[in-house]
């Protein structure tokens, strides 16, 4: 199940926030949408999720027009993982994950035994089964994000949309969440994540789509996309992009930090 966006434009009234955006996200692929604040990343997500419908252009989820999908129909296709999840009531981890089945229940229907087993299986898959009976409020930020991913798996949607999933996490939790998202993509899910972090998008993504001024600046494999020119264009920062570990990692260092170094030392 994939996502196809064609010539998408959206305006809040003071000019277009998105301008003729077109891309396809396919099963088995991790797509990072990279860009600074205010370029339309969150608006793009809202259009794809059907939260904003007065856009121009087309959004298709597995071939179905997103504008025609009801909330339950959308939930069967797409799972949304927000920047942070913090419910008012202190549910257990199992209860939070079990909430993923609600889109498939009728108004007065309650979860069945097989639904609970599905939630347990999702927690086992994500590696958080040991947290099953813990209070959600007592978890670390990274653990809460993994719980939200497990809830998305319980939802049984094949498209996962993560909105800056590591924005408030420490380094270890960032790696844990992104590695899990990449693994799910390689298992056949369509994974789309917004991010401000170019190094992270390079390390974990199969494709990078860079947005600037509501338009697509570039779209392609990380090795072809992430370079010094892109960093300068997106973030208005002169930076040196260094390749490490046979180009499996690229590090972006502002040139102001390197001013006192010799040119031959830059990539050491």
C-alpha atoms as a PDB file:
ATOM      1  CA  UNK A   1       0.000   0.000   0.000  1.00  0.00           C
ATOM      2  CA  UNK A   2       1.592   3.260  -1.136  1.00  0.00           C
ATOM      3  CA  UNK A   3       0.950   7.001  -1.171  1.00  0.00           C
ATOM      4  CA  UNK A   4       0.817   9.075  -4.350  1.00  0.00           C
ATOM      5  CA  UNK A   5       0.709  12.875  -4.284  1.00  0.00           C
ATOM      6  CA  UNK A   6       0.176  14.837  -7.513  1.00  0.00           C
ATOM      7  CA  UNK A   7       0.484  18.601  -7.920  1.00  0.00           C
ATOM      8  CA  UNK A   8      -0.557  19.263  -4.334  1.00  0.00           C
ATOM      9  CA  UNK A   9      -1.009  22.916  -3.398  1.00  0.00           C
ATOM     10  CA  UNK A  10      -2.502  24.328  -0.216  1.00  0.00           C
ATOM     11  CA  UNK A  11      -3.086  27.819   1.131  1.00  0.00           C
ATOM     12  CA  UNK A  12      -4.188  29.051   4.547  1.00  0.00           C
ATOM     13  CA  UNK A  13      -5.256  32.318   2.967  1.00  0.00           C
ATOM     14  CA  UNK A  14      -2.008  34.256   3.004  1.00  0.00           C
ATOM     15  CA  UNK A  15      -0.326  32.535   0.069  1.00  0.00           C
ATOM     16  CA  UNK A  16       0.438  28.949  -0.819  1.00  0.00           C
ATOM     17  CA  UNK A  17       2.109  26.865   1.895  1.00  0.00           C
ATOM     18  CA  UNK A  18       2.512  23.944  -0.528  1.00  0.00           C
ATOM     19  CA  UNK A  19       3.120  24.514  -4.220  1.00  0.00           C
ATOM     20  CA  UNK A  20       2.727  21.783  -6.846  1.00  0.00           C
ATOM     21  CA  UNK A  21       4.180  19.010  -4.651  1.00  0.00           C
ATOM     22  CA  UNK A  22       4.343  15.590  -6.318  1.00  0.00           C
ATOM     23  CA  UNK A  23       5.904  12.354  -5.072  1.00  0.00           C
ATOM     24  CA  UNK A  24       5.227   8.658  -4.550  1.00  0.00           C
ATOM     25  CA  UNK A  25       6.040   6.645  -1.436  1.00  0.00           C
ATOM     26  CA  UNK A  26       6.151   2.892  -2.024  1.00  0.00           C
ATOM     27  CA  UNK A  27       5.885  -0.194   0.191  1.00  0.00           C
ATOM     28  CA  UNK A  28       9.246  -1.286   1.531  1.00  0.00           C
ATOM     29  CA  UNK A  29      10.615   2.237   1.476  1.00  0.00           C
ATOM     30  CA  UNK A  30      11.561   4.759   4.172  1.00  0.00           C
ATOM     31  CA  UNK A  31      11.006   8.293   2.839  1.00  0.00           C
ATOM     32  CA  UNK A  32      12.343  11.219   4.883  1.00  0.00           C
ATOM     33  CA  UNK A  33      10.838  14.648   4.257  1.00  0.00           C
ATOM     34  CA  UNK A  34      13.647  17.031   5.160  1.00  0.00           C
ATOM     35  CA  UNK A  35      13.459  20.765   5.666  1.00  0.00           C
ATOM     36  CA  UNK A  36      13.649  23.681   8.102  1.00  0.00           C
ATOM     37  CA  UNK A  37      10.759  25.036  10.169  1.00  0.00           C
ATOM     38  CA  UNK A  38       7.804  26.483   8.294  1.00  0.00           C
ATOM     39  CA  UNK A  39       8.314  24.848   4.895  1.00  0.00           C
ATOM     40  CA  UNK A  40       5.019  22.930   4.899  1.00  0.00           C
ATOM     41  CA  UNK A  41       6.007  19.509   6.257  1.00  0.00           C
ATOM     42  CA  UNK A  42       3.185  19.348   8.811  1.00  0.00           C
ATOM     43  CA  UNK A  43       0.676  20.766   6.318  1.00  0.00           C
ATOM     44  CA  UNK A  44       1.673  18.072   3.838  1.00  0.00           C
ATOM     45  CA  UNK A  45       1.021  15.414   6.480  1.00  0.00           C
ATOM     46  CA  UNK A  46      -2.400  16.881   7.275  1.00  0.00           C
ATOM     47  CA  UNK A  47      -3.377  16.811   3.604  1.00  0.00           C
ATOM     48  CA  UNK A  48      -2.295  13.176   3.200  1.00  0.00           C
ATOM     49  CA  UNK A  49      -4.123  12.204   6.407  1.00  0.00           C
ATOM     50  CA  UNK A  50      -7.315  13.899   5.249  1.00  0.00           C
ATOM     51  CA  UNK A  51      -7.276  16.445   8.077  1.00  0.00           C
ATOM     52  CA  UNK A  52      -7.092  19.222   5.474  1.00  0.00           C
ATOM     53  CA  UNK A  53      -9.273  18.620   2.412  1.00  0.00           C
ATOM     54  CA  UNK A  54      -9.496  21.962   0.656  1.00  0.00           C
ATOM     55  CA  UNK A  55      -6.238  21.463  -1.235  1.00  0.00           C
ATOM     56  CA  UNK A  56      -5.654  21.519  -4.953  1.00  0.00           C
ATOM     57  CA  UNK A  57      -4.211  18.450  -6.614  1.00  0.00           C
ATOM     58  CA  UNK A  58      -4.559  14.774  -5.729  1.00  0.00           C
ATOM     59  CA  UNK A  59      -3.650  12.513  -2.814  1.00  0.00           C
ATOM     60  CA  UNK A  60      -4.178   8.770  -3.245  1.00  0.00           C
ATOM     61  CA  UNK A  61      -3.755   6.082  -0.590  1.00  0.00           C
ATOM     62  CA  UNK A  62      -3.451   2.677  -2.206  1.00  0.00           C
ATOM     63  CA  UNK A  63      -5.241   4.137  -5.226  1.00  0.00           C
ATOM     64  CA  UNK A  64      -8.133   5.615  -3.204  1.00  0.00           C
ATOM     65  CA  UNK A  65      -8.751   9.371  -3.241  1.00  0.00           C
ATOM     66  CA  UNK A  66      -7.892  10.621   0.265  1.00  0.00           C
ATOM     67  CA  UNK A  67     -10.732  13.170   0.131  1.00  0.00           C
ATOM     68  CA  UNK A  68     -13.307  10.405  -0.193  1.00  0.00           C
ATOM     69  CA  UNK A  69     -12.059   8.318   2.748  1.00  0.00           C
ATOM     70  CA  UNK A  70     -13.896   8.474   6.057  1.00  0.00           C
ATOM     71  CA  UNK A  71     -11.896   8.595   9.286  1.00  0.00           C
ATOM     72  CA  UNK A  72     -12.260   4.812   9.899  1.00  0.00           C
ATOM     73  CA  UNK A  73     -11.370   4.071   6.265  1.00  0.00           C
ATOM     74  CA  UNK A  74      -8.287   6.265   6.486  1.00  0.00           C
ATOM     75  CA  UNK A  75      -7.271   4.638   9.786  1.00  0.00           C
ATOM     76  CA  UNK A  76      -7.322   1.218   8.129  1.00  0.00           C
ATOM     77  CA  UNK A  77      -4.783   2.461   5.602  1.00  0.00           C
ATOM     78  CA  UNK A  78      -2.610   4.997   7.435  1.00  0.00           C
ATOM     79  CA  UNK A  79      -1.276   5.146  10.984  1.00  0.00           C
ATOM     80  CA  UNK A  80      -0.023   8.479  12.323  1.00  0.00           C
ATOM     81  CA  UNK A  81       2.706   8.651  14.957  1.00  0.00           C
ATOM     82  CA  UNK A  82       2.903  12.202  16.420  1.00  0.00           C
ATOM     83  CA  UNK A  83       5.955  13.934  17.862  1.00  0.00           C
ATOM     84  CA  UNK A  84       4.929  12.838  21.339  1.00  0.00           C
ATOM     85  CA  UNK A  85       2.060  10.992  22.917  1.00  0.00           C
ATOM     86  CA  UNK A  86       0.845  11.972  26.373  1.00  0.00           C
ATOM     87  CA  UNK A  87      -2.754  10.988  27.163  1.00  0.00           C
ATOM     88  CA  UNK A  88      -4.643  12.661  29.999  1.00  0.00           C
ATOM     89  CA  UNK A  89      -5.301   9.386  31.805  1.00  0.00           C
ATOM     90  CA  UNK A  90      -2.444   7.179  32.909  1.00  0.00           C
ATOM     91  CA  UNK A  91      -3.160   4.096  30.834  1.00  0.00           C
ATOM     92  CA  UNK A  92      -0.923   1.059  30.836  1.00  0.00           C
ATOM     93  CA  UNK A  93       1.306   0.419  27.837  1.00  0.00           C
ATOM     94  CA  UNK A  94      -0.904  -2.507  26.835  1.00  0.00           C
ATOM     95  CA  UNK A  95      -4.005  -0.300  26.908  1.00  0.00           C
ATOM     96  CA  UNK A  96      -2.333   2.347  24.733  1.00  0.00           C
ATOM     97  CA  UNK A  97      -1.245  -0.243  22.165  1.00  0.00           C
ATOM     98  CA  UNK A  98      -4.673  -1.891  22.233  1.00  0.00           C
ATOM     99  CA  UNK A  99      -6.241   1.435  21.229  1.00  0.00           C
ATOM    100  CA  UNK A 100      -4.891   0.724  17.755  1.00  0.00           C
ATOM    101  CA  UNK A 101      -7.792  -1.655  17.090  1.00  0.00           C
ATOM    102  CA  UNK A 102     -10.517   0.967  17.670  1.00  0.00           C
ATOM    103  CA  UNK A 103     -10.740   1.904  13.979  1.00  0.00           C
ATOM    104  CA  UNK A 104     -11.930  -1.644  13.267  1.00  0.00           C
ATOM    105  CA  UNK A 105     -14.561  -1.786  16.006  1.00  0.00           C
ATOM    106  CA  UNK A 106     -18.164  -0.601  15.904  1.00  0.00           C
ATOM    107  CA  UNK A 107     -19.357   2.106  18.273  1.00  0.00           C
ATOM    108  CA  UNK A 108     -20.439  -0.238  21.077  1.00  0.00           C
ATOM    109  CA  UNK A 109     -17.974  -3.054  20.390  1.00  0.00           C
ATOM    110  CA  UNK A 110     -15.164  -3.821  22.828  1.00  0.00           C
ATOM    111  CA  UNK A 111     -11.778  -5.377  22.017  1.00  0.00           C
ATOM    112  CA  UNK A 112     -11.720  -9.166  21.897  1.00  0.00           C
ATOM    113  CA  UNK A 113      -9.122 -11.646  23.068  1.00  0.00           C
ATOM    114  CA  UNK A 114      -7.525 -11.763  19.628  1.00  0.00           C
ATOM    115  CA  UNK A 115      -7.216  -7.969  19.672  1.00  0.00           C
ATOM    116  CA  UNK A 116      -5.323  -8.135  22.961  1.00  0.00           C
ATOM    117  CA  UNK A 117      -3.115 -10.863  21.513  1.00  0.00           C
ATOM    118  CA  UNK A 118      -2.456  -8.662  18.475  1.00  0.00           C
ATOM    119  CA  UNK A 119      -1.372  -5.846  20.790  1.00  0.00           C
ATOM    120  CA  UNK A 120       0.936  -8.207  22.660  1.00  0.00           C
ATOM    121  CA  UNK A 121       2.415  -9.388  19.357  1.00  0.00           C
ATOM    122  CA  UNK A 122       3.064  -5.785  18.286  1.00  0.00           C
ATOM    123  CA  UNK A 123       4.852  -5.026  21.553  1.00  0.00           C
ATOM    124  CA  UNK A 124       6.938  -8.165  21.160  1.00  0.00           C
ATOM    125  CA  UNK A 125       7.860  -7.155  17.622  1.00  0.00           C
ATOM    126  CA  UNK A 126       8.933  -3.658  18.661  1.00  0.00           C
ATOM    127  CA  UNK A 127      10.859  -5.014  21.641  1.00  0.00           C
ATOM    128  CA  UNK A 128       8.782  -3.467  24.423  1.00  0.00           C
ATOM    129  CA  UNK A 129       6.929  -6.527  25.734  1.00  0.00           C
ATOM    130  CA  UNK A 130       8.648  -6.015  29.090  1.00  0.00           C
ATOM    131  CA  UNK A 131       6.840  -2.671  29.388  1.00  0.00           C
ATOM    132  CA  UNK A 132       3.374  -4.211  28.970  1.00  0.00           C
ATOM    133  CA  UNK A 133       2.013  -3.354  32.420  1.00  0.00           C
ATOM    134  CA  UNK A 134       3.994  -0.159  32.987  1.00  0.00           C
ATOM    135  CA  UNK A 135       2.191   3.173  33.265  1.00  0.00           C
ATOM    136  CA  UNK A 136       2.592   5.117  30.022  1.00  0.00           C
ATOM    137  CA  UNK A 137       3.345   8.361  31.899  1.00  0.00           C
ATOM    138  CA  UNK A 138       6.335   6.729  33.597  1.00  0.00           C
ATOM    139  CA  UNK A 139       8.151   5.850  30.373  1.00  0.00           C
ATOM    140  CA  UNK A 140      11.018   7.718  28.764  1.00  0.00           C
ATOM    141  CA  UNK A 141      10.377   9.719  25.599  1.00  0.00           C
ATOM    142  CA  UNK A 142      11.928   7.028  23.424  1.00  0.00           C
ATOM    143  CA  UNK A 143       9.894   4.291  25.061  1.00  0.00           C
ATOM    144  CA  UNK A 144       6.698   6.300  24.517  1.00  0.00           C
ATOM    145  CA  UNK A 145       7.509   6.667  20.823  1.00  0.00           C
ATOM    146  CA  UNK A 146       8.040   2.913  20.518  1.00  0.00           C
ATOM    147  CA  UNK A 147       4.670   2.376  22.223  1.00  0.00           C
ATOM    148  CA  UNK A 148       3.057   4.633  19.621  1.00  0.00           C
ATOM    149  CA  UNK A 149       4.701   2.632  16.837  1.00  0.00           C
ATOM    150  CA  UNK A 150       3.407  -0.590  18.390  1.00  0.00           C
ATOM    151  CA  UNK A 151      -0.070   0.961  18.500  1.00  0.00           C
ATOM    152  CA  UNK A 152       0.274   1.765  14.797  1.00  0.00           C
ATOM    153  CA  UNK A 153       1.125  -1.871  14.074  1.00  0.00           C
ATOM    154  CA  UNK A 154      -1.924  -3.010  16.049  1.00  0.00           C
ATOM    155  CA  UNK A 155      -3.948  -0.673  13.850  1.00  0.00           C
ATOM    156  CA  UNK A 156      -2.849  -2.896  10.911  1.00  0.00           C
ATOM    157  CA  UNK A 157      -2.342   0.060   8.582  1.00  0.00           C
ATOM    158  CA  UNK A 158       0.442  -0.469   6.061  1.00  0.00           C
ATOM    159  CA  UNK A 159       1.381   3.219   5.758  1.00  0.00           C
ATOM    160  CA  UNK A 160       3.167   4.722   8.770  1.00  0.00           C
ATOM    161  CA  UNK A 161       3.547   8.508   8.992  1.00  0.00           C
ATOM    162  CA  UNK A 162       5.918   9.802  11.685  1.00  0.00           C
ATOM    163  CA  UNK A 163       5.925  13.523  12.436  1.00  0.00           C
ATOM    164  CA  UNK A 164       9.424  14.461  13.652  1.00  0.00           C
ATOM    165  CA  UNK A 165       9.520  11.291  15.776  1.00  0.00           C
ATOM    166  CA  UNK A 166      12.858  12.089  17.461  1.00  0.00           C
ATOM    167  CA  UNK A 167      12.561  15.855  17.974  1.00  0.00           C
ATOM    168  CA  UNK A 168      12.611  15.695  21.784  1.00  0.00           C
ATOM    169  CA  UNK A 169      14.624  12.516  22.315  1.00  0.00           C
ATOM    170  CA  UNK A 170      18.195  11.975  23.460  1.00  0.00           C
ATOM    171  CA  UNK A 171      20.714  10.398  21.107  1.00  0.00           C
ATOM    172  CA  UNK A 172      20.170   6.807  22.209  1.00  0.00           C
ATOM    173  CA  UNK A 173      16.392   7.037  21.942  1.00  0.00           C
ATOM    174  CA  UNK A 174      16.670   8.709  18.533  1.00  0.00           C
ATOM    175  CA  UNK A 175      18.698   5.796  17.198  1.00  0.00           C
ATOM    176  CA  UNK A 176      16.319   3.270  18.756  1.00  0.00           C
ATOM    177  CA  UNK A 177      13.202   4.830  17.209  1.00  0.00           C
ATOM    178  CA  UNK A 178      14.719   5.439  13.763  1.00  0.00           C
ATOM    179  CA  UNK A 179      16.225   1.965  13.556  1.00  0.00           C
ATOM    180  CA  UNK A 180      12.838   0.448  14.340  1.00  0.00           C
ATOM    181  CA  UNK A 181      11.126   2.584  11.696  1.00  0.00           C
ATOM    182  CA  UNK A 182      13.711   1.547   9.108  1.00  0.00           C
ATOM    183  CA  UNK A 183      13.234  -2.109   9.997  1.00  0.00           C
ATOM    184  CA  UNK A 184       9.477  -1.807   9.476  1.00  0.00           C
ATOM    185  CA  UNK A 185      10.051  -0.232   6.063  1.00  0.00           C
ATOM    186  CA  UNK A 186      12.272  -3.097   5.058  1.00  0.00           C
ATOM    187  CA  UNK A 187       9.523  -5.503   6.145  1.00  0.00           C
ATOM    188  CA  UNK A 188       7.155  -3.968   3.596  1.00  0.00           C
ATOM    189  CA  UNK A 189       5.564  -0.979   5.315  1.00  0.00           C
ATOM    190  CA  UNK A 190       5.465   2.408   3.614  1.00  0.00           C
ATOM    191  CA  UNK A 191       7.199   4.718   6.103  1.00  0.00           C
ATOM    192  CA  UNK A 192       7.167   8.512   5.737  1.00  0.00           C
ATOM    193  CA  UNK A 193       8.870  10.679   8.366  1.00  0.00           C
ATOM    194  CA  UNK A 194       9.419  14.411   8.645  1.00  0.00           C
ATOM    195  CA  UNK A 195      12.711  15.565  10.116  1.00  0.00           C
ATOM    196  CA  UNK A 196      15.012  18.561  10.626  1.00  0.00           C
ATOM    197  CA  UNK A 197      18.066  16.318  10.894  1.00  0.00           C
ATOM    198  CA  UNK A 198      19.997  15.785   7.622  1.00  0.00           C
ATOM    199  CA  UNK A 199      22.478  13.329   9.143  1.00  0.00           C
ATOM    200  CA  UNK A 200      19.671  11.199  10.546  1.00  0.00           C
ATOM    201  CA  UNK A 201      17.768  11.221   7.273  1.00  0.00           C
ATOM    202  CA  UNK A 202      20.910  10.090   5.453  1.00  0.00           C
ATOM    203  CA  UNK A 203      21.643   7.250   7.840  1.00  0.00           C
ATOM    204  CA  UNK A 204      18.183   5.686   7.999  1.00  0.00           C
ATOM    205  CA  UNK A 205      16.271   6.639   4.838  1.00  0.00           C
ATOM    206  CA  UNK A 206      15.953   5.028   1.441  1.00  0.00           C
ATOM    207  CA  UNK A 207      14.946   8.384  -0.066  1.00  0.00           C
ATOM    208  CA  UNK A 208      15.158  12.011   0.951  1.00  0.00           C
ATOM    209  CA  UNK A 209      12.616  14.572  -0.219  1.00  0.00           C
ATOM    210  CA  UNK A 210      13.769  18.107   0.611  1.00  0.00           C
ATOM    211  CA  UNK A 211      11.179  20.895   0.907  1.00  0.00           C
ATOM    212  CA  UNK A 212      11.844  24.603   0.705  1.00  0.00           C
ATOM    213  CA  UNK A 213       9.267  27.355   0.409  1.00  0.00           C
ATOM    214  CA  UNK A 214       6.501  24.801  -0.036  1.00  0.00           C
ATOM    215  CA  UNK A 215       8.166  23.258  -3.094  1.00  0.00           C
ATOM    216  CA  UNK A 216      10.236  20.144  -3.617  1.00  0.00           C
ATOM    217  CA  UNK A 217      13.862  21.187  -3.838  1.00  0.00           C
ATOM    218  CA  UNK A 218      15.154  17.692  -4.566  1.00  0.00           C
ATOM    219  CA  UNK A 219      14.034  14.065  -4.244  1.00  0.00           C
ATOM    220  CA  UNK A 220      16.232  11.000  -4.501  1.00  0.00           C
ATOM    221  CA  UNK A 221      18.555   8.479  -2.826  1.00  0.00           C
ATOM    222  CA  UNK A 222      20.471   9.947   0.136  1.00  0.00           C
ATOM    223  CA  UNK A 223      23.878   9.558  -1.525  1.00  0.00           C
ATOM    224  CA  UNK A 224      22.688  11.605  -4.484  1.00  0.00           C
ATOM    225  CA  UNK A 225      20.807  14.239  -2.506  1.00  0.00           C
ATOM    226  CA  UNK A 226      22.647  15.147   0.689  1.00  0.00           C
ATOM    227  CA  UNK A 227      25.571  17.448  -0.032  1.00  0.00           C
ATOM    228  CA  UNK A 228      26.936  20.846   0.930  1.00  0.00           C
ATOM    229  CA  UNK A 229      24.831  22.677  -1.644  1.00  0.00           C
ATOM    230  CA  UNK A 230      21.612  21.216  -0.203  1.00  0.00           C
ATOM    231  CA  UNK A 231      22.545  22.150   3.372  1.00  0.00           C
ATOM    232  CA  UNK A 232      23.256  25.717   2.313  1.00  0.00           C
ATOM    233  CA  UNK A 233      20.018  25.945   0.315  1.00  0.00           C
ATOM    234  CA  UNK A 234      17.838  24.524   3.085  1.00  0.00           C
ATOM    235  CA  UNK A 235      19.391  26.000   6.211  1.00  0.00           C
ATOM    236  CA  UNK A 236      21.415  29.003   4.929  1.00  0.00           C
ATOM    237  CA  UNK A 237      24.535  27.569   6.555  1.00  0.00           C
ATOM    238  CA  UNK A 238      27.910  27.031   4.915  1.00  0.00           C
ATOM    239  CA  UNK A 239      28.852  23.503   5.944  1.00  0.00           C
ATOM    240  CA  UNK A 240      31.277  20.753   5.085  1.00  0.00           C
ATOM    241  CA  UNK A 241      29.636  17.365   4.500  1.00  0.00           C
ATOM    242  CA  UNK A 242      32.081  14.586   5.378  1.00  0.00           C
ATOM    243  CA  UNK A 243      31.659  10.910   4.489  1.00  0.00           C
ATOM    244  CA  UNK A 244      32.480   8.229   7.041  1.00  0.00           C
ATOM    245  CA  UNK A 245      32.448   4.430   7.133  1.00  0.00           C
ATOM    246  CA  UNK A 246      32.536   3.951   3.352  1.00  0.00           C
ATOM    247  CA  UNK A 247      29.885   6.660   2.902  1.00  0.00           C
ATOM    248  CA  UNK A 248      27.344   4.919   5.120  1.00  0.00           C
ATOM    249  CA  UNK A 249      27.339   8.060   7.283  1.00  0.00           C
ATOM    250  CA  UNK A 250      27.606  11.748   6.385  1.00  0.00           C
ATOM    251  CA  UNK A 251      28.388  14.389   8.962  1.00  0.00           C
ATOM    252  CA  UNK A 252      27.437  18.042   8.436  1.00  0.00           C
ATOM    253  CA  UNK A 253      29.835  20.455  10.161  1.00  0.00           C
ATOM    254  CA  UNK A 254      29.315  24.246   9.993  1.00  0.00           C
ATOM    255  CA  UNK A 255      32.333  25.868   8.347  1.00  0.00           C
ATOM    256  CA  UNK A 256      32.573  28.413  11.158  1.00  0.00           C
ATOM    257  CA  UNK A 257      33.759  25.499  13.326  1.00  0.00           C
ATOM    258  CA  UNK A 258      36.369  24.571  10.745  1.00  0.00           C
ATOM    259  CA  UNK A 259      37.783  28.033  10.077  1.00  0.00           C
ATOM    260  CA  UNK A 260      40.889  27.407  12.161  1.00  0.00           C
ATOM    261  CA  UNK A 261      41.671  24.031  10.570  1.00  0.00           C
ATOM    262  CA  UNK A 262      43.739  23.241   7.549  1.00  0.00           C
ATOM    263  CA  UNK A 263      41.746  22.127   4.468  1.00  0.00           C
ATOM    264  CA  UNK A 264      43.512  18.741   4.450  1.00  0.00           C
ATOM    265  CA  UNK A 265      42.244  18.128   8.003  1.00  0.00           C
ATOM    266  CA  UNK A 266      38.550  18.598   7.224  1.00  0.00           C
ATOM    267  CA  UNK A 267      37.769  14.955   6.400  1.00  0.00           C
ATOM    268  CA  UNK A 268      39.937  13.418   9.085  1.00  0.00           C
END
